[in-house]
Protein backbone atom coordinates (compact mmCIF):
# COMPACT_ATOMS: atom_id res chain seq x y z
CA MET A 1 -8.39 -16.95 25.90
CA ILE A 2 -7.70 -16.33 22.01
CA LYS A 3 -10.26 -15.94 19.93
CA PHE A 4 -9.63 -17.04 15.64
CA TYR A 5 -12.06 -15.33 13.04
CA TYR A 6 -12.20 -18.21 10.58
CA HIS A 7 -13.38 -18.61 7.36
CA PRO A 8 -13.01 -22.08 5.75
CA SER A 9 -10.71 -20.71 3.06
CA PRO A 10 -6.50 -21.62 2.77
CA ASN A 11 -5.10 -18.59 4.99
CA PRO A 12 -7.08 -19.20 7.48
CA ALA A 13 -6.27 -23.09 7.24
CA LYS A 14 -3.02 -22.66 8.36
CA VAL A 15 -3.41 -20.96 11.68
CA ALA A 16 -6.34 -23.67 12.46
CA LEU A 17 -3.30 -26.18 11.81
CA PHE A 18 -0.78 -24.34 14.33
CA LEU A 19 -3.65 -24.15 16.79
CA GLU A 20 -4.30 -27.09 16.46
CA GLU A 21 -0.99 -28.55 16.60
CA SER A 22 0.18 -25.52 20.02
CA GLY A 23 -2.71 -26.96 22.04
CA LEU A 24 -3.47 -23.32 22.71
CA PRO A 25 -6.57 -22.81 23.93
CA TYR A 26 -8.88 -20.81 21.60
CA GLU A 27 -12.53 -20.19 20.42
CA VAL A 28 -13.27 -19.94 17.16
CA VAL A 29 -15.53 -16.84 15.78
CA PRO A 30 -17.06 -17.98 12.13
CA ILE A 31 -17.12 -15.32 9.45
CA ASP A 32 -19.03 -15.98 6.54
CA THR A 33 -17.36 -14.34 3.51
CA ARG A 34 -19.94 -15.15 1.36
CA LYS A 35 -22.52 -13.48 3.35
CA GLY A 36 -20.41 -10.38 3.56
CA GLU A 37 -19.66 -10.65 7.53
CA GLN A 38 -15.54 -8.94 6.69
CA HIS A 39 -17.53 -6.03 5.67
CA THR A 40 -19.01 -5.25 9.21
CA PRO A 41 -17.76 -2.78 11.30
CA ALA A 42 -17.21 -5.35 14.01
CA TYR A 43 -14.94 -7.29 12.23
CA ARG A 44 -13.23 -3.97 10.20
CA ALA A 45 -12.02 -2.52 13.91
CA ILE A 46 -10.15 -6.28 13.85
CA ASN A 47 -9.10 -6.31 10.60
CA PRO A 48 -9.30 -3.12 8.28
CA ASN A 49 -8.18 -5.23 5.14
CA CYS A 50 -11.80 -7.20 5.79
CA LYS A 51 -10.19 -10.68 4.78
CA THR A 52 -9.74 -13.83 6.90
CA PRO A 53 -8.44 -14.65 9.02
CA ALA A 54 -7.55 -12.38 11.91
CA LEU A 55 -6.46 -13.02 15.99
CA THR A 56 -6.99 -11.26 19.49
CA ASP A 57 -4.94 -12.55 21.79
CA GLY A 58 -6.25 -10.45 25.15
CA ASP A 59 -5.22 -6.87 23.88
CA THR A 60 -3.15 -7.92 21.00
CA VAL A 61 -4.54 -8.24 17.44
CA VAL A 62 -2.87 -9.53 14.78
CA PHE A 63 -4.22 -10.52 11.05
CA ASP A 64 -2.79 -11.59 8.29
CA SER A 65 -1.93 -15.11 8.30
CA ASN A 66 1.35 -15.80 7.87
CA ALA A 67 2.01 -12.73 10.91
CA ILE A 68 -0.33 -14.74 13.27
CA LEU A 69 1.58 -18.23 12.21
CA LEU A 70 4.95 -15.81 13.55
CA TYR A 71 3.25 -14.44 16.93
CA LEU A 72 2.01 -18.03 17.77
CA ALA A 73 5.28 -19.12 17.20
CA GLU A 74 7.23 -16.46 18.90
CA LYS A 75 4.64 -17.05 21.87
CA THR A 76 4.61 -20.86 22.44
CA GLY A 77 8.53 -20.82 21.11
CA GLN A 78 7.20 -23.93 18.78
CA PHE A 79 7.68 -24.72 15.51
CA LEU A 80 10.68 -22.38 14.88
CA PRO A 81 13.64 -23.20 13.78
CA ALA A 82 17.06 -22.76 15.25
CA ASP A 83 17.54 -19.42 16.54
CA THR A 84 20.11 -18.30 14.92
CA LEU A 85 20.68 -15.88 12.44
CA ALA A 86 20.91 -17.77 9.23
CA ALA A 87 18.22 -20.16 10.43
CA ARG A 88 15.78 -16.93 10.60
CA GLY A 89 17.07 -15.88 7.66
CA GLU A 90 16.02 -18.91 5.68
CA MET A 91 12.53 -19.10 7.78
CA TYR A 92 11.50 -15.36 6.89
CA SER A 93 12.36 -15.61 3.35
CA TRP A 94 10.35 -18.69 2.86
CA LEU A 95 7.52 -17.28 4.98
CA MET A 96 7.46 -14.61 3.02
CA PHE A 97 7.69 -16.58 -0.29
CA VAL A 98 4.35 -18.08 0.23
CA ALA A 99 2.44 -14.72 1.51
CA SER A 100 3.59 -12.95 -1.15
CA GLY A 101 3.84 -15.34 -4.25
CA ILE A 102 2.26 -18.89 -3.61
CA GLY A 103 -1.15 -17.28 -2.40
CA PRO A 104 -1.51 -13.67 -4.31
CA TYR A 105 -0.85 -16.02 -7.42
CA SER A 106 -2.96 -19.46 -6.47
CA GLY A 107 -5.49 -16.70 -5.52
CA GLN A 108 -5.63 -14.74 -8.55
CA ALA A 109 -5.30 -17.89 -10.76
CA VAL A 110 -8.36 -19.52 -8.92
CA HIS A 111 -10.09 -15.81 -9.60
CA PHE A 112 -10.03 -15.62 -13.03
CA LYS A 113 -10.46 -19.17 -14.06
CA HIS A 114 -13.18 -19.97 -11.84
CA TYR A 115 -15.17 -16.74 -11.15
CA ALA A 116 -14.20 -13.82 -13.29
CA PRO A 117 -17.62 -12.47 -15.11
CA GLU A 118 -15.67 -12.56 -18.13
CA PRO A 119 -12.97 -14.43 -19.72
CA VAL A 120 -9.67 -12.83 -19.66
CA PRO A 121 -7.36 -15.36 -21.21
CA TYR A 122 -4.26 -12.83 -20.58
CA ALA A 123 -4.58 -12.84 -16.85
CA VAL A 124 -6.01 -16.78 -16.72
CA ASN A 125 -2.33 -17.16 -18.60
CA ARG A 126 -0.33 -14.98 -16.46
CA TYR A 127 -1.34 -16.09 -13.40
CA ASP A 128 -1.21 -19.50 -14.22
CA PHE A 129 2.13 -19.01 -14.91
CA GLU A 130 3.15 -17.24 -11.88
CA ALA A 131 1.58 -19.59 -9.51
CA TRP A 132 2.66 -23.23 -11.63
CA ARG A 133 6.01 -21.33 -11.61
CA HIS A 134 5.98 -20.57 -7.48
CA TRP A 135 4.48 -24.21 -7.07
CA SER A 136 7.55 -25.50 -9.07
CA ILE A 137 9.96 -23.93 -7.03
CA LEU A 138 8.14 -25.37 -3.62
CA ASP A 139 8.42 -28.72 -5.29
CA GLU A 140 12.20 -27.99 -6.10
CA ARG A 141 12.66 -27.40 -2.24
CA LEU A 142 10.79 -30.03 -1.13
CA ALA A 143 12.70 -32.78 -3.47
CA GLN A 144 16.01 -31.86 -1.38
CA HIS A 145 14.83 -31.47 1.69
CA PRO A 146 11.80 -33.16 4.52
CA TYR A 147 9.98 -30.21 4.87
CA MET A 148 10.38 -26.40 4.00
CA LEU A 149 13.44 -25.61 6.55
CA GLY A 150 15.30 -29.00 6.57
CA ALA A 151 14.60 -32.12 8.73
CA THR A 152 11.97 -30.24 11.10
CA TYR A 153 8.28 -29.69 10.85
CA THR A 154 7.85 -26.03 10.61
CA LEU A 155 5.48 -23.01 10.43
CA VAL A 156 6.54 -22.44 7.34
CA ASP A 157 5.40 -26.66 6.64
CA MET A 158 1.90 -25.45 8.11
CA ALA A 159 1.93 -22.13 5.46
CA VAL A 160 2.46 -24.20 2.59
CA TRP A 161 0.01 -26.55 3.59
CA GLY A 162 -3.43 -23.98 3.62
CA TRP A 163 -2.80 -23.33 0.40
CA ALA A 164 -1.44 -26.61 -1.32
CA ARG A 165 -4.75 -28.79 -0.18
CA ALA A 166 -6.57 -26.32 -3.31
CA VAL A 167 -3.60 -27.28 -5.63
CA PRO A 168 -5.95 -29.31 -8.31
CA PHE A 169 -8.52 -26.00 -8.05
CA VAL A 170 -5.99 -23.58 -8.87
CA LEU A 171 -3.92 -25.23 -11.34
CA GLY A 172 -5.59 -28.23 -12.75
CA PRO A 173 -6.12 -32.36 -12.02
CA GLU A 174 -2.44 -32.57 -13.54
CA ALA A 175 -1.09 -30.70 -10.78
CA TRP A 176 0.14 -33.56 -8.80
CA GLU A 177 1.64 -35.50 -11.53
CA ARG A 178 4.34 -32.35 -12.02
CA LEU A 179 4.50 -31.49 -8.02
CA PRO A 180 5.15 -34.88 -6.32
CA HIS A 181 6.99 -33.58 -3.46
CA VAL A 182 4.20 -30.44 -2.45
CA LYS A 183 2.07 -33.55 -2.51
CA ARG A 184 3.76 -35.96 -0.12
CA LEU A 185 4.31 -33.31 1.86
CA LEU A 186 0.76 -32.71 1.64
CA ASP A 187 -0.17 -36.14 2.88
CA GLU A 188 2.27 -36.28 5.04
CA ILE A 189 0.59 -33.26 6.89
CA ASN A 190 -3.19 -34.53 6.65
CA ALA A 191 -1.90 -37.69 8.38
CA ARG A 192 -1.55 -35.68 11.41
CA PRO A 193 -4.47 -35.38 13.94
CA ALA A 194 -3.54 -31.98 14.27
CA ALA A 195 -4.51 -31.27 10.51
CA GLN A 196 -7.82 -33.29 10.63
CA ARG A 197 -9.06 -31.14 13.98
CA ALA A 198 -7.97 -28.65 11.69
CA GLU A 199 -9.99 -29.57 8.70
CA ALA A 200 -12.98 -30.87 11.11
CA LEU A 201 -13.68 -27.46 12.07
CA LYS A 202 -15.18 -26.24 8.53
CA SER A 203 -18.13 -28.79 9.45
CA ARG A 204 -18.68 -26.75 12.92
CA PHE A 205 -20.31 -24.08 11.19
CA ALA A 206 -23.10 -23.60 8.23
CA PHE A 207 -20.85 -21.94 5.67
CA LYS A 208 -22.43 -19.94 2.98
CA ALA A 209 -21.56 -22.63 -0.35
CA GLU A 210 -23.20 -21.31 -3.04
CA VAL A 211 -21.26 -18.13 -5.04
CA ASP A 212 -24.84 -16.38 -5.67
CA ASP A 213 -25.41 -12.76 -6.62
CA GLU A 214 -24.81 -11.45 -2.02
CA ALA A 215 -21.51 -13.94 -2.37
CA ARG A 216 -20.05 -12.16 -5.14
CA ARG A 217 -20.73 -8.48 -4.22
CA ALA A 218 -18.94 -9.36 -0.96
CA LEU A 219 -16.44 -11.21 -1.96
CA PHE A 220 -15.40 -9.07 -5.91
CA PRO A 221 -16.87 -5.67 -4.24
CA GLN A 222 -14.51 -4.25 -7.57
CA ASN A 223 -17.68 -5.48 -9.93
CA GLU A 224 -20.02 -2.64 -8.44
CA ARG A 225 -17.55 -0.25 -10.48
CA LEU A 226 -18.07 -2.12 -13.55
CA ALA A 227 -22.17 -2.11 -13.52
CA ARG A 228 -22.14 2.35 -13.20
């Protein structure tokens, strides 16, 4: 059976959504990143990057949320575009746009706005600008199409959904006024039973909520260098 190494954050959420949409049986293995469980030798053997999510499927190990989405889509034949070079090129482009742009810039914007140990105005401006730029590109795309790849709901929409849930925290409370088409997609996916089941996973486990010294050491190990 698939083992899904999970924490209730944007990247694991998109995998949870695919698993629920596809109907694949799976076992959730909670990884409490604020307690440092991602750094244990057992988990590092599965994901050397010490991030969530990860997935094992028999002898197969997949880490990185976008790689997992592709793996599950190919395994099941679900939520993929047409099997043509043009359609696959579009899918890879937008999926990697989420992987290399939306996720990293949103994550860094959150870090420097909410968690950096001291204000860094240049970094806040840099990552806020890039996060807005990337989300605006998605909004323009969704102004032209109901879903990221056109008329059909796919794994790319699931990748967007994982991060779209956090947009106000990333960009600020005015975000939805400026990104109405992303909000429309988010609301539509949120109404799906699979999305509701994926969201409910976080209530099944007692994940640590506070960001105390233990959590900062686990999440931001680079701070240890500053303390030396």
